């Protein structure tokens, strides 16, 4: 594998790991799963604070909702594939952002 492919894979894995950790941490603290409904609280500080959280937790939420929808509602396989690709690209972008931020701070070489 080329170094670029390895870097992309590491960004993808880091993005999914971060998303899972954020969503699981939220669920542990709030005693309910995280979801996009956090944005539907109207104009409030909670809605504004939910935006950066959801930016990084979205891949986990998308995959959780997609897999539950496939099992419970018998959604089509094409929909599941499309949502998986979307969550993967989103995860790779958020993982790349985290890696770039860590490099900018000097924690990564």
PDB file of N, CA and C in Angstrom:
ATOM      1  N   UNK A   1       0.840  -1.186   0.000  1.00  0.00           N
ATOM      2  CA  UNK A   1       0.000   0.000   0.000  1.00  0.00           C
ATOM      3  C   UNK A   1       0.879   1.241   0.000  1.00  0.00           C
ATOM      4  N   UNK A   2       0.399   2.250  -0.660  1.00  0.00           N
ATOM      5  CA  UNK A   2       1.147   3.500  -0.725  1.00  0.00           C
ATOM      6  C   UNK A   2       0.992   4.278   0.592  1.00  0.00           C
ATOM      7  N   UNK A   3       1.915   5.178   0.869  1.00  0.00           N
ATOM      8  CA  UNK A   3       1.795   5.982   2.096  1.00  0.00           C
ATOM      9  C   UNK A   3       0.512   6.815   2.134  1.00  0.00           C
ATOM     10  N   UNK A   4       0.054   7.287   0.967  1.00  0.00           N
ATOM     11  CA  UNK A   4      -1.184   8.067   0.928  1.00  0.00           C
ATOM     12  C   UNK A   4      -2.386   7.210   1.298  1.00  0.00           C
ATOM     13  N   UNK A   5      -2.409   5.963   0.832  1.00  0.00           N
ATOM     14  CA  UNK A   5      -3.514   5.056   1.163  1.00  0.00           C
ATOM     15  C   UNK A   5      -3.525   4.720   2.647  1.00  0.00           C
ATOM     16  N   UNK A   6      -2.341   4.528   3.209  1.00  0.00           N
ATOM     17  CA  UNK A   6      -2.258   4.236   4.642  1.00  0.00           C
ATOM     18  C   UNK A   6      -2.721   5.439   5.456  1.00  0.00           C
ATOM     19  N   UNK A   7      -2.323   6.634   5.023  1.00  0.00           N
ATOM     20  CA  UNK A   7      -2.746   7.848   5.727  1.00  0.00           C
ATOM     21  C   UNK A   7      -4.260   8.023   5.648  1.00  0.00           C
ATOM     22  N   UNK A   8      -4.842   7.744   4.492  1.00  0.00           N
ATOM     23  CA  UNK A   8      -6.298   7.851   4.354  1.00  0.00           C
ATOM     24  C   UNK A   8      -7.004   6.826   5.229  1.00  0.00           C
ATOM     25  N   UNK A   9      -6.482   5.615   5.277  1.00  0.00           N
ATOM     26  CA  UNK A   9      -7.073   4.580   6.125  1.00  0.00           C
ATOM     27  C   UNK A   9      -6.986   4.963   7.599  1.00  0.00           C
ATOM     28  N   UNK A  10      -5.850   5.511   8.005  1.00  0.00           N
ATOM     29  CA  UNK A  10      -5.699   5.932   9.395  1.00  0.00           C
ATOM     30  C   UNK A  10      -6.650   7.086   9.725  1.00  0.00           C
ATOM     31  N   UNK A  11      -6.846   8.011   8.794  1.00  0.00           N
ATOM     32  CA  UNK A  11      -7.795   9.109   9.012  1.00  0.00           C
ATOM     33  C   UNK A  11      -9.218   8.577   9.130  1.00  0.00           C
ATOM     34  N   UNK A  12      -9.563   7.609   8.277  1.00  0.00           N
ATOM     35  CA  UNK A  12     -10.892   6.991   8.332  1.00  0.00           C
ATOM     36  C   UNK A  12     -11.118   6.322   9.680  1.00  0.00           C
ATOM     37  N   UNK A  13     -10.139   5.543  10.127  1.00  0.00           N
ATOM     38  CA  UNK A  13     -10.272   4.843  11.404  1.00  0.00           C
ATOM     39  C   UNK A  13     -10.305   5.812  12.583  1.00  0.00           C
ATOM     40  N   UNK A  14      -9.492   6.854  12.527  1.00  0.00           N
ATOM     41  CA  UNK A  14      -9.489   7.846  13.591  1.00  0.00           C
ATOM     42  C   UNK A  14     -10.826   8.584  13.646  1.00  0.00           C
ATOM     43  N   UNK A  15     -11.388   8.893  12.476  1.00  0.00           N
ATOM     44  CA  UNK A  15     -12.689   9.567  12.439  1.00  0.00           C
ATOM     45  C   UNK A  15     -13.798   8.724  13.036  1.00  0.00           C
ATOM     46  N   UNK A  16     -13.838   7.431  12.681  1.00  0.00           N
ATOM     47  CA  UNK A  16     -14.861   6.550  13.253  1.00  0.00           C
ATOM     48  C   UNK A  16     -14.641   6.345  14.750  1.00  0.00           C
ATOM     49  N   UNK A  17     -13.385   6.251  15.157  1.00  0.00           N
ATOM     50  CA  UNK A  17     -13.095   6.080  16.582  1.00  0.00           C
ATOM     51  C   UNK A  17     -13.542   7.297  17.379  1.00  0.00           C
ATOM     52  N   UNK A  18     -13.220   8.482  16.872  1.00  0.00           N
ATOM     53  CA  UNK A  18     -13.635   9.714  17.542  1.00  0.00           C
ATOM     54  C   UNK A  18     -15.159   9.822  17.594  1.00  0.00           C
ATOM     55  N   UNK A  19     -15.830   9.491  16.488  1.00  0.00           N
ATOM     56  CA  UNK A  19     -17.291   9.560  16.454  1.00  0.00           C
ATOM     57  C   UNK A  19     -17.910   8.598  17.464  1.00  0.00           C
ATOM     58  N   UNK A  20     -17.399   7.383  17.520  1.00  0.00           N
ATOM     59  CA  UNK A  20     -17.923   6.411  18.480  1.00  0.00           C
ATOM     60  C   UNK A  20     -17.675   6.817  19.913  1.00  0.00           C
ATOM     61  N   UNK A  21     -16.491   7.366  20.188  1.00  0.00           N
ATOM     62  CA  UNK A  21     -16.174   7.796  21.552  1.00  0.00           C
ATOM     63  C   UNK A  21     -17.068   8.961  21.979  1.00  0.00           C
ATOM     64  N   UNK A  22     -17.276   9.927  21.088  1.00  0.00           N
ATOM     65  CA  UNK A  22     -18.135  11.063  21.424  1.00  0.00           C
ATOM     66  C   UNK A  22     -19.578  10.627  21.661  1.00  0.00           C
ATOM     67  N   UNK A  23     -20.099   9.800  20.760  1.00  0.00           N
ATOM     68  CA  UNK A  23     -21.493   9.363  20.902  1.00  0.00           C
ATOM     69  C   UNK A  23     -21.681   8.489  22.136  1.00  0.00           C
ATOM     70  N   UNK A  24     -20.726   7.632  22.420  1.00  0.00           N
ATOM     71  CA  UNK A  24     -20.829   6.780  23.607  1.00  0.00           C
ATOM     72  C   UNK A  24     -20.688   7.597  24.885  1.00  0.00           C
ATOM     73  N   UNK A  25     -19.790   8.579  24.872  1.00  0.00           N
ATOM     74  CA  UNK A  25     -19.650   9.455  26.026  1.00  0.00           C
ATOM     75  C   UNK A  25     -20.914  10.260  26.284  1.00  0.00           C
ATOM     76  N   UNK A  26     -21.522  10.755  25.210  1.00  0.00           N
ATOM     77  CA  UNK A  26     -22.778  11.488  25.365  1.00  0.00           C
ATOM     78  C   UNK A  26     -23.858  10.587  25.953  1.00  0.00           C
ATOM     79  N   UNK A  27     -23.942   9.362  25.432  1.00  0.00           N
ATOM     80  CA  UNK A  27     -24.965   8.439  25.923  1.00  0.00           C
ATOM     81  C   UNK A  27     -24.724   8.088  27.391  1.00  0.00           C
ATOM     82  N   UNK A  28     -23.488   7.965  27.791  1.00  0.00           N
ATOM     83  CA  UNK A  28     -23.188   7.663  29.194  1.00  0.00           C
ATOM     84  C   UNK A  28     -23.575   8.825  30.113  1.00  0.00           C
ATOM     85  N   UNK A  29     -23.350  10.045  29.648  1.00  0.00           N
ATOM     86  CA  UNK A  29     -23.663  11.206  30.476  1.00  0.00           C
ATOM     87  C   UNK A  29     -25.147  11.575  30.456  1.00  0.00           C
ATOM     88  N   UNK A  30     -25.768  11.505  29.288  1.00  0.00           N
ATOM     89  CA  UNK A  30     -27.152  11.970  29.151  1.00  0.00           C
ATOM     90  C   UNK A  30     -28.184  10.856  29.330  1.00  0.00           C
ATOM     91  N   UNK A  31     -27.746   9.616  29.408  1.00  0.00           N
ATOM     92  CA  UNK A  31     -28.645   8.462  29.557  1.00  0.00           C
ATOM     93  C   UNK A  31     -29.618   8.327  28.386  1.00  0.00           C
ATOM     94  N   UNK A  32     -29.227   8.831  27.207  1.00  0.00           N
ATOM     95  CA  UNK A  32     -30.009   8.652  25.977  1.00  0.00           C
ATOM     96  C   UNK A  32     -29.040   8.762  24.813  1.00  0.00           C
ATOM     97  N   UNK A  33     -29.341   8.091  23.713  1.00  0.00           N
ATOM     98  CA  UNK A  33     -28.402   8.132  22.590  1.00  0.00           C
ATOM     99  C   UNK A  33     -28.380   9.500  21.910  1.00  0.00           C
ATOM    100  N   UNK A  34     -27.227   9.838  21.375  1.00  0.00           N
ATOM    101  CA  UNK A  34     -27.078  11.094  20.637  1.00  0.00           C
ATOM    102  C   UNK A  34     -27.782  10.957  19.295  1.00  0.00           C
ATOM    103  N   UNK A  35     -28.324  12.060  18.818  1.00  0.00           N
ATOM    104  CA  UNK A  35     -28.997  12.059  17.524  1.00  0.00           C
ATOM    105  C   UNK A  35     -29.069  13.459  16.959  1.00  0.00           C
ATOM    106  N   UNK A  36     -29.525  13.536  15.728  1.00  0.00           N
ATOM    107  CA  UNK A  36     -29.632  14.833  15.069  1.00  0.00           C
ATOM    108  C   UNK A  36     -30.769  15.672  15.645  1.00  0.00           C
ATOM    109  N   UNK A  37     -31.585  15.101  16.494  1.00  0.00           N
ATOM    110  CA  UNK A  37     -32.645  15.837  17.168  1.00  0.00           C
ATOM    111  C   UNK A  37     -32.107  16.887  18.135  1.00  0.00           C
ATOM    112  N   UNK A  38     -30.828  16.820  18.432  1.00  0.00           N
ATOM    113  CA  UNK A  38     -30.225  17.834  19.304  1.00  0.00           C
ATOM    114  C   UNK A  38     -30.301  19.223  18.673  1.00  0.00           C
ATOM    115  N   UNK A  39     -30.421  19.271  17.365  1.00  0.00           N
ATOM    116  CA  UNK A  39     -30.504  20.558  16.672  1.00  0.00           C
ATOM    117  C   UNK A  39     -31.914  21.134  16.671  1.00  0.00           C
ATOM    118  N   UNK A  40     -32.899  20.367  17.088  1.00  0.00           N
ATOM    119  CA  UNK A  40     -34.293  20.798  17.023  1.00  0.00           C
ATOM    120  C   UNK A  40     -34.789  21.378  18.337  1.00  0.00           C
ATOM    121  N   UNK A  41     -33.918  22.003  19.074  1.00  0.00           N
ATOM    122  CA  UNK A  41     -34.308  22.605  20.343  1.00  0.00           C
ATOM    123  C   UNK A  41     -34.589  24.091  20.188  1.00  0.00           C
ATOM    124  N   UNK A  42     -34.701  24.560  18.969  1.00  0.00           N
ATOM    125  CA  UNK A  42     -34.945  25.972  18.738  1.00  0.00           C
ATOM    126  C   UNK A  42     -33.659  26.767  18.863  1.00  0.00           C
ATOM    127  N   UNK A  43     -33.815  28.071  18.954  1.00  0.00           N
ATOM    128  CA  UNK A  43     -32.656  28.938  19.104  1.00  0.00           C
ATOM    129  C   UNK A  43     -32.265  28.952  20.576  1.00  0.00           C
ATOM    130  N   UNK A  44     -31.272  28.154  20.897  1.00  0.00           N
ATOM    131  CA  UNK A  44     -30.834  28.022  22.286  1.00  0.00           C
ATOM    132  C   UNK A  44     -29.338  27.733  22.294  1.00  0.00           C
ATOM    133  N   UNK A  45     -28.678  28.015  23.392  1.00  0.00           N
ATOM    134  CA  UNK A  45     -27.249  27.702  23.472  1.00  0.00           C
ATOM    135  C   UNK A  45     -26.965  26.206  23.295  1.00  0.00           C
ATOM    136  N   UNK A  46     -27.909  25.359  23.698  1.00  0.00           N
ATOM    137  CA  UNK A  46     -27.716  23.921  23.543  1.00  0.00           C
ATOM    138  C   UNK A  46     -27.629  23.539  22.068  1.00  0.00           C
ATOM    139  N   UNK A  47     -28.464  24.166  21.232  1.00  0.00           N
ATOM    140  CA  UNK A  47     -28.430  23.872  19.801  1.00  0.00           C
ATOM    141  C   UNK A  47     -27.118  24.318  19.188  1.00  0.00           C
ATOM    142  N   UNK A  48     -26.631  25.467  19.606  1.00  0.00           N
ATOM    143  CA  UNK A  48     -25.360  25.961  19.089  1.00  0.00           C
ATOM    144  C   UNK A  48     -24.206  25.076  19.535  1.00  0.00           C
ATOM    145  N   UNK A  49     -24.239  24.602  20.752  1.00  0.00           N
ATOM    146  CA  UNK A  49     -23.187  23.719  21.256  1.00  0.00           C
ATOM    147  C   UNK A  49     -23.264  22.341  20.611  1.00  0.00           C
ATOM    148  N   UNK A  50     -24.430  21.945  20.133  1.00  0.00           N
ATOM    149  CA  UNK A  50     -24.589  20.628  19.526  1.00  0.00           C
ATOM    150  C   UNK A  50     -23.954  20.547  18.144  1.00  0.00           C
ATOM    151  N   UNK A  51     -23.772  21.673  17.478  1.00  0.00           N
ATOM    152  CA  UNK A  51     -23.242  21.651  16.111  1.00  0.00           C
ATOM    153  C   UNK A  51     -21.838  21.054  16.046  1.00  0.00           C
ATOM    154  N   UNK A  52     -20.843  21.562  16.808  1.00  0.00           N
ATOM    155  CA  UNK A  52     -19.522  20.932  16.714  1.00  0.00           C
ATOM    156  C   UNK A  52     -19.518  19.478  17.191  1.00  0.00           C
ATOM    157  N   UNK A  53     -20.341  19.175  18.179  1.00  0.00           N
ATOM    158  CA  UNK A  53     -20.446  17.786  18.637  1.00  0.00           C
ATOM    159  C   UNK A  53     -20.940  16.890  17.508  1.00  0.00           C
ATOM    160  N   UNK A  54     -21.999  17.315  16.832  1.00  0.00           N
ATOM    161  CA  UNK A  54     -22.566  16.499  15.760  1.00  0.00           C
ATOM    162  C   UNK A  54     -21.662  16.422  14.539  1.00  0.00           C
ATOM    163  N   UNK A  55     -20.851  17.442  14.304  1.00  0.00           N
ATOM    164  CA  UNK A  55     -19.922  17.388  13.177  1.00  0.00           C
ATOM    165  C   UNK A  55     -18.994  16.190  13.327  1.00  0.00           C
ATOM    166  N   UNK A  56     -18.532  15.928  14.529  1.00  0.00           N
ATOM    167  CA  UNK A  56     -17.598  14.825  14.740  1.00  0.00           C
ATOM    168  C   UNK A  56     -18.281  13.512  15.109  1.00  0.00           C
ATOM    169  N   UNK A  57     -19.475  13.540  15.660  1.00  0.00           N
ATOM    170  CA  UNK A  57     -20.169  12.307  16.045  1.00  0.00           C
ATOM    171  C   UNK A  57     -21.083  11.776  14.939  1.00  0.00           C
ATOM    172  N   UNK A  58     -21.275  12.538  13.883  1.00  0.00           N
ATOM    173  CA  UNK A  58     -22.228  12.169  12.832  1.00  0.00           C
ATOM    174  C   UNK A  58     -21.964  10.814  12.173  1.00  0.00           C
ATOM    175  N   UNK A  59     -20.718  10.427  11.852  1.00  0.00           N
ATOM    176  CA  UNK A  59     -20.543   9.108  11.217  1.00  0.00           C
ATOM    177  C   UNK A  59     -21.096   7.962  12.051  1.00  0.00           C
ATOM    178  N   UNK A  60     -20.896   8.017  13.362  1.00  0.00           N
ATOM    179  CA  UNK A  60     -21.430   6.971  14.234  1.00  0.00           C
ATOM    180  C   UNK A  60     -22.952   7.001  14.236  1.00  0.00           C
ATOM    181  N   UNK A  61     -23.528   8.193  14.323  1.00  0.00           N
ATOM    182  CA  UNK A  61     -24.992   8.328  14.369  1.00  0.00           C
ATOM    183  C   UNK A  61     -25.609   7.850  13.058  1.00  0.00           C
ATOM    184  N   UNK A  62     -24.995   8.210  11.938  1.00  0.00           N
ATOM    185  CA  UNK A  62     -25.498   7.779  10.632  1.00  0.00           C
ATOM    186  C   UNK A  62     -25.478   6.260  10.530  1.00  0.00           C
ATOM    187  N   UNK A  63     -24.367   5.639  10.909  1.00  0.00           N
ATOM    188  CA  UNK A  63     -24.275   4.182  10.808  1.00  0.00           C
ATOM    189  C   UNK A  63     -25.228   3.495  11.778  1.00  0.00           C
ATOM    190  N   UNK A  64     -25.354   4.009  12.994  1.00  0.00           N
ATOM    191  CA  UNK A  64     -26.284   3.406  13.957  1.00  0.00           C
ATOM    192  C   UNK A  64     -27.712   3.467  13.439  1.00  0.00           C
ATOM    193  N   UNK A  65     -28.123   4.638  12.948  1.00  0.00           N
ATOM    194  CA  UNK A  65     -29.487   4.782  12.436  1.00  0.00           C
ATOM    195  C   UNK A  65     -29.710   3.932  11.193  1.00  0.00           C
ATOM    196  N   UNK A  66     -28.701   3.833  10.343  1.00  0.00           N
ATOM    197  CA  UNK A  66     -28.828   3.045   9.111  1.00  0.00           C
ATOM    198  C   UNK A  66     -28.967   1.564   9.419  1.00  0.00           C
ATOM    199  N   UNK A  67     -28.121   1.057  10.305  1.00  0.00           N
ATOM    200  CA  UNK A  67     -28.197  -0.367  10.628  1.00  0.00           C
ATOM    201  C   UNK A  67     -29.477  -0.716  11.375  1.00  0.00           C
ATOM    202  N   UNK A  68     -29.942   0.168  12.242  1.00  0.00           N
ATOM    203  CA  UNK A  68     -31.221  -0.065  12.916  1.00  0.00           C
ATOM    204  C   UNK A  68     -32.366  -0.030  11.904  1.00  0.00           C
ATOM    205  N   UNK A  69     -32.302   0.899  10.957  1.00  0.00           N
ATOM    206  CA  UNK A  69     -33.339   0.985   9.932  1.00  0.00           C
ATOM    207  C   UNK A  69     -33.367  -0.241   9.037  1.00  0.00           C
ATOM    208  N   UNK A  70     -32.210  -0.790   8.751  1.00  0.00           N
ATOM    209  CA  UNK A  70     -32.138  -2.001   7.926  1.00  0.00           C
ATOM    210  C   UNK A  70     -32.770  -3.172   8.662  1.00  0.00           C
ATOM    211  N   UNK A  71     -32.485  -3.274   9.954  1.00  0.00           N
ATOM    212  CA  UNK A  71     -32.983  -4.403  10.731  1.00  0.00           C
ATOM    213  C   UNK A  71     -34.469  -4.254  11.062  1.00  0.00           C
ATOM    214  N   UNK A  72     -34.888  -3.068  11.476  1.00  0.00           N
ATOM    215  CA  UNK A  72     -36.259  -2.869  11.946  1.00  0.00           C
ATOM    216  C   UNK A  72     -37.227  -2.591  10.795  1.00  0.00           C
ATOM    217  N   UNK A  73     -36.820  -1.680   9.893  1.00  0.00           N
ATOM    218  CA  UNK A  73     -37.720  -1.258   8.819  1.00  0.00           C
ATOM    219  C   UNK A  73     -37.468  -1.981   7.502  1.00  0.00           C
ATOM    220  N   UNK A  74     -36.501  -2.869   7.453  1.00  0.00           N
ATOM    221  CA  UNK A  74     -36.131  -3.609   6.245  1.00  0.00           C
ATOM    222  C   UNK A  74     -35.818  -2.671   5.085  1.00  0.00           C
ATOM    223  N   UNK A  75     -34.975  -1.695   5.352  1.00  0.00           N
ATOM    224  CA  UNK A  75     -34.574  -0.773   4.296  1.00  0.00           C
ATOM    225  C   UNK A  75     -33.753  -1.504   3.247  1.00  0.00           C
ATOM    226  N   UNK A  76     -33.746  -0.943   2.052  1.00  0.00           N
ATOM    227  CA  UNK A  76     -33.045  -1.576   0.936  1.00  0.00           C
ATOM    228  C   UNK A  76     -31.538  -1.520   1.138  1.00  0.00           C
ATOM    229  N   UNK A  77     -30.859  -2.499   0.562  1.00  0.00           N
ATOM    230  CA  UNK A  77     -29.413  -2.611   0.680  1.00  0.00           C
ATOM    231  C   UNK A  77     -28.726  -1.414   0.021  1.00  0.00           C
ATOM    232  N   UNK A  78     -29.294  -0.899  -1.051  1.00  0.00           N
ATOM    233  CA  UNK A  78     -28.698   0.248  -1.737  1.00  0.00           C
ATOM    234  C   UNK A  78     -28.638   1.472  -0.817  1.00  0.00           C
ATOM    235  N   UNK A  79     -29.684   1.663  -0.021  1.00  0.00           N
ATOM    236  CA  UNK A  79     -29.716   2.774   0.920  1.00  0.00           C
ATOM    237  C   UNK A  79     -28.639   2.604   1.989  1.00  0.00           C
ATOM    238  N   UNK A  80     -28.476   1.375   2.458  1.00  0.00           N
ATOM    239  CA  UNK A  80     -27.460   1.093   3.469  1.00  0.00           C
ATOM    240  C   UNK A  80     -26.066   1.341   2.900  1.00  0.00           C
ATOM    241  N   UNK A  81     -25.832   0.938   1.650  1.00  0.00           N
ATOM    242  CA  UNK A  81     -24.535   1.173   1.021  1.00  0.00           C
ATOM    243  C   UNK A  81     -24.263   2.663   0.859  1.00  0.00           C
ATOM    244  N   UNK A  82     -25.258   3.409   0.433  1.00  0.00           N
ATOM    245  CA  UNK A  82     -25.088   4.847   0.238  1.00  0.00           C
ATOM    246  C   UNK A  82     -24.784   5.538   1.570  1.00  0.00           C
ATOM    247  N   UNK A  83     -25.483   5.170   2.616  1.00  0.00           N
ATOM    248  CA  UNK A  83     -25.256   5.765   3.928  1.00  0.00           C
ATOM    249  C   UNK A  83     -23.883   5.373   4.477  1.00  0.00           C
ATOM    250  N   UNK A  84     -23.429   4.160   4.187  1.00  0.00           N
ATOM    251  CA  UNK A  84     -22.111   3.721   4.628  1.00  0.00           C
ATOM    252  C   UNK A  84     -21.015   4.519   3.943  1.00  0.00           C
ATOM    253  N   UNK A  85     -21.166   4.762   2.655  1.00  0.00           N
ATOM    254  CA  UNK A  85     -20.183   5.574   1.929  1.00  0.00           C
ATOM    255  C   UNK A  85     -20.181   7.000   2.474  1.00  0.00           C
ATOM    256  N   UNK A  86     -21.349   7.559   2.700  1.00  0.00           N
ATOM    257  CA  UNK A  86     -21.447   8.916   3.245  1.00  0.00           C
ATOM    258  C   UNK A  86     -20.774   9.002   4.614  1.00  0.00           C
ATOM    259  N   UNK A  87     -21.054   8.051   5.487  1.00  0.00           N
ATOM    260  CA  UNK A  87     -20.446   8.052   6.817  1.00  0.00           C
ATOM    261  C   UNK A  87     -18.933   7.844   6.724  1.00  0.00           C
ATOM    262  N   UNK A  88     -18.496   7.032   5.794  1.00  0.00           N
ATOM    263  CA  UNK A  88     -17.062   6.806   5.625  1.00  0.00           C
ATOM    264  C   UNK A  88     -16.328   8.048   5.156  1.00  0.00           C
ATOM    265  N   UNK A  89     -16.887   8.738   4.174  1.00  0.00           N
ATOM    266  CA  UNK A  89     -16.261   9.973   3.689  1.00  0.00           C
ATOM    267  C   UNK A  89     -16.257  11.029   4.788  1.00  0.00           C
ATOM    268  N   UNK A  90     -17.367  11.151   5.492  1.00  0.00           N
ATOM    269  CA  UNK A  90     -17.462  12.121   6.590  1.00  0.00           C
ATOM    270  C   UNK A  90     -16.432  11.789   7.669  1.00  0.00           C
ATOM    271  N   UNK A  91     -16.301  10.508   7.982  1.00  0.00           N
ATOM    272  CA  UNK A  91     -15.353  10.074   8.988  1.00  0.00           C
ATOM    273  C   UNK A  91     -13.921  10.361   8.550  1.00  0.00           C
ATOM    274  N   UNK A  92     -13.623  10.131   7.282  1.00  0.00           N
ATOM    275  CA  UNK A  92     -12.273  10.393   6.794  1.00  0.00           C
ATOM    276  C   UNK A  92     -11.956  11.887   6.856  1.00  0.00           C
ATOM    277  N   UNK A  93     -12.939  12.724   6.549  1.00  0.00           N
ATOM    278  CA  UNK A  93     -12.709  14.171   6.625  1.00  0.00           C
ATOM    279  C   UNK A  93     -12.501  14.627   8.070  1.00  0.00           C
ATOM    280  N   UNK A  94     -13.302  14.126   8.989  1.00  0.00           N
ATOM    281  CA  UNK A  94     -13.126  14.547  10.381  1.00  0.00           C
ATOM    282  C   UNK A  94     -11.827  13.983  10.943  1.00  0.00           C
ATOM    283  N   UNK A  95     -11.445  12.779  10.554  1.00  0.00           N
ATOM    284  CA  UNK A  95     -10.159  12.228  10.980  1.00  0.00           C
ATOM    285  C   UNK A  95      -8.987  13.016  10.432  1.00  0.00           C
ATOM    286  N   UNK A  96      -9.099  13.454   9.178  1.00  0.00           N
ATOM    287  CA  UNK A  96      -8.054  14.290   8.590  1.00  0.00           C
ATOM    288  C   UNK A  96      -7.944  15.617   9.325  1.00  0.00           C
ATOM    289  N   UNK A  97      -9.080  16.193   9.708  1.00  0.00           N
ATOM    290  CA  UNK A  97      -9.067  17.443  10.462  1.00  0.00           C
ATOM    291  C   UNK A  97      -8.373  17.260  11.807  1.00  0.00           C
ATOM    292  N   UNK A  98      -8.646  16.157  12.479  1.00  0.00           N
ATOM    293  CA  UNK A  98      -8.021  15.897  13.781  1.00  0.00           C
ATOM    294  C   UNK A  98      -6.512  15.725  13.612  1.00  0.00           C
ATOM    295  N   UNK A  99      -6.090  14.978  12.595  1.00  0.00           N
ATOM    296  CA  UNK A  99      -4.657  14.778  12.356  1.00  0.00           C
ATOM    297  C   UNK A  99      -3.982  16.112  12.037  1.00  0.00           C
ATOM    298  N   UNK A 100      -4.623  16.927  11.193  1.00  0.00           N
ATOM    299  CA  UNK A 100      -4.031  18.219  10.860  1.00  0.00           C
ATOM    300  C   UNK A 100      -3.955  19.127  12.085  1.00  0.00           C
ATOM    301  N   UNK A 101      -4.971  19.074  12.947  1.00  0.00           N
ATOM    302  CA  UNK A 101      -4.956  19.875  14.166  1.00  0.00           C
ATOM    303  C   UNK A 101      -3.851  19.424  15.111  1.00  0.00           C
ATOM    304  N   UNK A 102      -3.677  18.122  15.255  1.00  0.00           N
ATOM    305  CA  UNK A 102      -2.619  17.602  16.120  1.00  0.00           C
ATOM    306  C   UNK A 102      -1.238  17.976  15.587  1.00  0.00           C
ATOM    307  N   UNK A 103      -1.082  17.961  14.272  1.00  0.00           N
ATOM    308  CA  UNK A 103       0.191  18.374  13.669  1.00  0.00           C
ATOM    309  C   UNK A 103       0.429  19.868  13.880  1.00  0.00           C
ATOM    310  N   UNK A 104      -0.612  20.677  13.768  1.00  0.00           N
ATOM    311  CA  UNK A 104      -0.461  22.120  13.942  1.00  0.00           C
ATOM    312  C   UNK A 104      -0.061  22.466  15.365  1.00  0.00           C
ATOM    313  N   UNK A 105      -0.564  21.713  16.325  1.00  0.00           N
ATOM    314  CA  UNK A 105      -0.239  21.954  17.727  1.00  0.00           C
ATOM    315  C   UNK A 105       1.159  21.401  18.063  1.00  0.00           C
ATOM    316  N   UNK A 106       1.635  20.466  17.264  1.00  0.00           N
ATOM    317  CA  UNK A 106       2.961  19.888  17.497  1.00  0.00           C
ATOM    318  C   UNK A 106       2.944  18.568  18.196  1.00  0.00           C
ATOM    319  N   UNK A 107       1.793  17.928  18.308  1.00  0.00           N
ATOM    320  CA  UNK A 107       1.703  16.626  18.977  1.00  0.00           C
ATOM    321  C   UNK A 107       2.011  15.465  18.039  1.00  0.00           C
ATOM    322  N   UNK A 108       1.960  15.701  16.736  1.00  0.00           N
ATOM    323  CA  UNK A 108       2.320  14.683  15.746  1.00  0.00           C
ATOM    324  C   UNK A 108       3.436  15.220  14.874  1.00  0.00           C
ATOM    325  N   UNK A 109       4.287  14.320  14.428  1.00  0.00           N
ATOM    326  CA  UNK A 109       5.392  14.740  13.553  1.00  0.00           C
ATOM    327  C   UNK A 109       4.931  14.881  12.123  1.00  0.00           C
TER     328      UNK A 109
END
